[in-house]
Amino acid sequence: MVPVQTNEDLQPVIRGTHRGQSNFIVDVIGYGDVSGYFNLFNEIGRFKGEILADEEMPAGDYLVWVQADGAWTLTFSP
């Protein structure tokens, strides 16, 4: 898990890539004073794509959980 902090509410575009052969699952989980859970990606094999978060993410701390069997990247853009 990787900690992430946002200083303001936002509805980001999330871009992801995966170079593995198996599952690529990415979840964002509220941490501390922030509650909630967002599933961003659930793909199999090589992947390159982007999504707009379904909901506005409140400002605060999050954990990003990634399951992947190969190299991966994530970027969040407001």
C-alpha atoms as a PDB file:
ATOM      1  CA  MET A   1       0.000   0.000   0.000  1.00  0.00           C
ATOM      2  CA  VAL A   2       1.101   3.515  -0.782  1.00  0.00           C
ATOM      3  CA  PRO A   3      -0.124   6.558   1.207  1.00  0.00           C
ATOM      4  CA  VAL A   4      -1.585   9.472  -0.781  1.00  0.00           C
ATOM      5  CA  GLN A   5      -2.811  12.820   0.542  1.00  0.00           C
ATOM      6  CA  THR A   6      -5.131  15.323  -1.124  1.00  0.00           C
ATOM      7  CA  ASN A   7      -5.377  18.906   0.148  1.00  0.00           C
ATOM      8  CA  GLU A   8      -8.729  19.632  -1.467  1.00  0.00           C
ATOM      9  CA  ASP A   9     -11.792  17.736  -2.649  1.00  0.00           C
ATOM     10  CA  LEU A  10     -11.291  16.529  -6.195  1.00  0.00           C
ATOM     11  CA  GLN A  11     -12.666  14.235  -8.868  1.00  0.00           C
ATOM     12  CA  PRO A  12      -9.435  13.140 -10.538  1.00  0.00           C
ATOM     13  CA  VAL A  13      -8.696  11.421 -13.812  1.00  0.00           C
ATOM     14  CA  ILE A  14      -6.639   8.323 -13.010  1.00  0.00           C
ATOM     15  CA  ARG A  15      -4.336   6.819 -15.626  1.00  0.00           C
ATOM     16  CA  GLY A  16      -2.904   3.358 -15.193  1.00  0.00           C
ATOM     17  CA  THR A  17      -0.691   0.907 -17.022  1.00  0.00           C
ATOM     18  CA  HIS A  18       0.147  -2.712 -16.314  1.00  0.00           C
ATOM     19  CA  ARG A  19       2.668  -4.903 -18.141  1.00  0.00           C
ATOM     20  CA  GLY A  20       1.856  -8.175 -16.389  1.00  0.00           C
ATOM     21  CA  GLN A  21      -0.145 -11.193 -17.478  1.00  0.00           C
ATOM     22  CA  SER A  22      -2.481 -11.606 -14.512  1.00  0.00           C
ATOM     23  CA  ASN A  23      -4.750  -9.369 -12.407  1.00  0.00           C
ATOM     24  CA  PHE A  24      -4.253  -5.619 -12.168  1.00  0.00           C
ATOM     25  CA  ILE A  25      -6.451  -4.385  -9.341  1.00  0.00           C
ATOM     26  CA  VAL A  26      -6.207  -0.879  -7.877  1.00  0.00           C
ATOM     27  CA  ASP A  27      -8.231   0.288  -4.880  1.00  0.00           C
ATOM     28  CA  VAL A  28      -8.151   3.600  -3.019  1.00  0.00           C
ATOM     29  CA  ILE A  29      -9.110   3.340   0.642  1.00  0.00           C
ATOM     30  CA  GLY A  30      -9.869   6.247   2.981  1.00  0.00           C
ATOM     31  CA  TYR A  31      -7.449   6.515   5.897  1.00  0.00           C
ATOM     32  CA  GLY A  32      -7.604   8.393   9.198  1.00  0.00           C
ATOM     33  CA  ASP A  33     -10.465  10.884   9.110  1.00  0.00           C
ATOM     34  CA  VAL A  34     -11.485   9.907   5.571  1.00  0.00           C
ATOM     35  CA  SER A  35     -13.760   6.940   5.001  1.00  0.00           C
ATOM     36  CA  GLY A  36     -14.728   5.250   1.791  1.00  0.00           C
ATOM     37  CA  TYR A  37     -13.421   2.894  -0.824  1.00  0.00           C
ATOM     38  CA  PHE A  38     -12.979   3.319  -4.576  1.00  0.00           C
ATOM     39  CA  ASN A  39     -12.149   0.493  -7.002  1.00  0.00           C
ATOM     40  CA  LEU A  40     -10.245   2.149  -9.843  1.00  0.00           C
ATOM     41  CA  PHE A  41      -9.135  -0.754 -12.025  1.00  0.00           C
ATOM     42  CA  ASN A  42      -9.859  -4.475 -12.174  1.00  0.00           C
ATOM     43  CA  GLU A  43      -8.257  -5.787 -15.367  1.00  0.00           C
ATOM     44  CA  ILE A  44      -6.451  -8.920 -16.548  1.00  0.00           C
ATOM     45  CA  GLY A  45      -3.213  -8.832 -18.543  1.00  0.00           C
ATOM     46  CA  ARG A  46      -1.562  -5.870 -20.223  1.00  0.00           C
ATOM     47  CA  PHE A  47      -3.515  -2.680 -19.736  1.00  0.00           C
ATOM     48  CA  LYS A  48      -3.319   1.019 -20.522  1.00  0.00           C
ATOM     49  CA  GLY A  49      -6.273   3.249 -19.749  1.00  0.00           C
ATOM     50  CA  GLU A  50      -7.848   6.005 -17.745  1.00  0.00           C
ATOM     51  CA  ILE A  51     -11.012   6.703 -15.793  1.00  0.00           C
ATOM     52  CA  LEU A  52     -12.708   9.659 -14.161  1.00  0.00           C
ATOM     53  CA  ALA A  53     -13.345   8.938 -10.473  1.00  0.00           C
ATOM     54  CA  ASP A  54     -17.042   8.102 -10.006  1.00  0.00           C
ATOM     55  CA  GLU A  55     -17.353  10.487  -7.096  1.00  0.00           C
ATOM     56  CA  GLU A  56     -15.548  13.468  -5.686  1.00  0.00           C
ATOM     57  CA  MET A  57     -12.830  12.317  -3.309  1.00  0.00           C
ATOM     58  CA  PRO A  58     -12.830  14.338  -0.078  1.00  0.00           C
ATOM     59  CA  ALA A  59      -9.581  16.021   0.960  1.00  0.00           C
ATOM     60  CA  GLY A  60      -7.522  13.833   3.266  1.00  0.00           C
ATOM     61  CA  ASP A  61      -5.362  10.739   3.472  1.00  0.00           C
ATOM     62  CA  TYR A  62      -5.798   7.591   1.390  1.00  0.00           C
ATOM     63  CA  LEU A  63      -4.063   4.271   0.923  1.00  0.00           C
ATOM     64  CA  VAL A  64      -3.635   2.961  -2.616  1.00  0.00           C
ATOM     65  CA  TRP A  65      -3.644  -0.844  -2.807  1.00  0.00           C
ATOM     66  CA  VAL A  66      -2.275  -2.415  -6.005  1.00  0.00           C
ATOM     67  CA  GLN A  67      -2.302  -6.078  -7.002  1.00  0.00           C
ATOM     68  CA  ALA A  68      -0.126  -6.661 -10.084  1.00  0.00           C
ATOM     69  CA  ASP A  69       2.288  -9.261 -11.404  1.00  0.00           C
ATOM     70  CA  GLY A  70       4.294  -6.894 -13.587  1.00  0.00           C
ATOM     71  CA  ALA A  71       5.443  -3.300 -13.857  1.00  0.00           C
ATOM     72  CA  TRP A  72       2.674  -0.742 -13.322  1.00  0.00           C
ATOM     73  CA  THR A  73       2.132   3.014 -13.168  1.00  0.00           C
ATOM     74  CA  LEU A  74      -0.580   5.287 -11.767  1.00  0.00           C
ATOM     75  CA  THR A  75      -1.078   9.016 -12.183  1.00  0.00           C
ATOM     76  CA  PHE A  76      -3.787  11.190 -10.659  1.00  0.00           C
ATOM     77  CA  SER A  77      -4.679  14.480 -12.400  1.00  0.00           C
ATOM     78  CA  PRO A  78      -7.179  16.962 -10.920  1.00  0.00           C
END
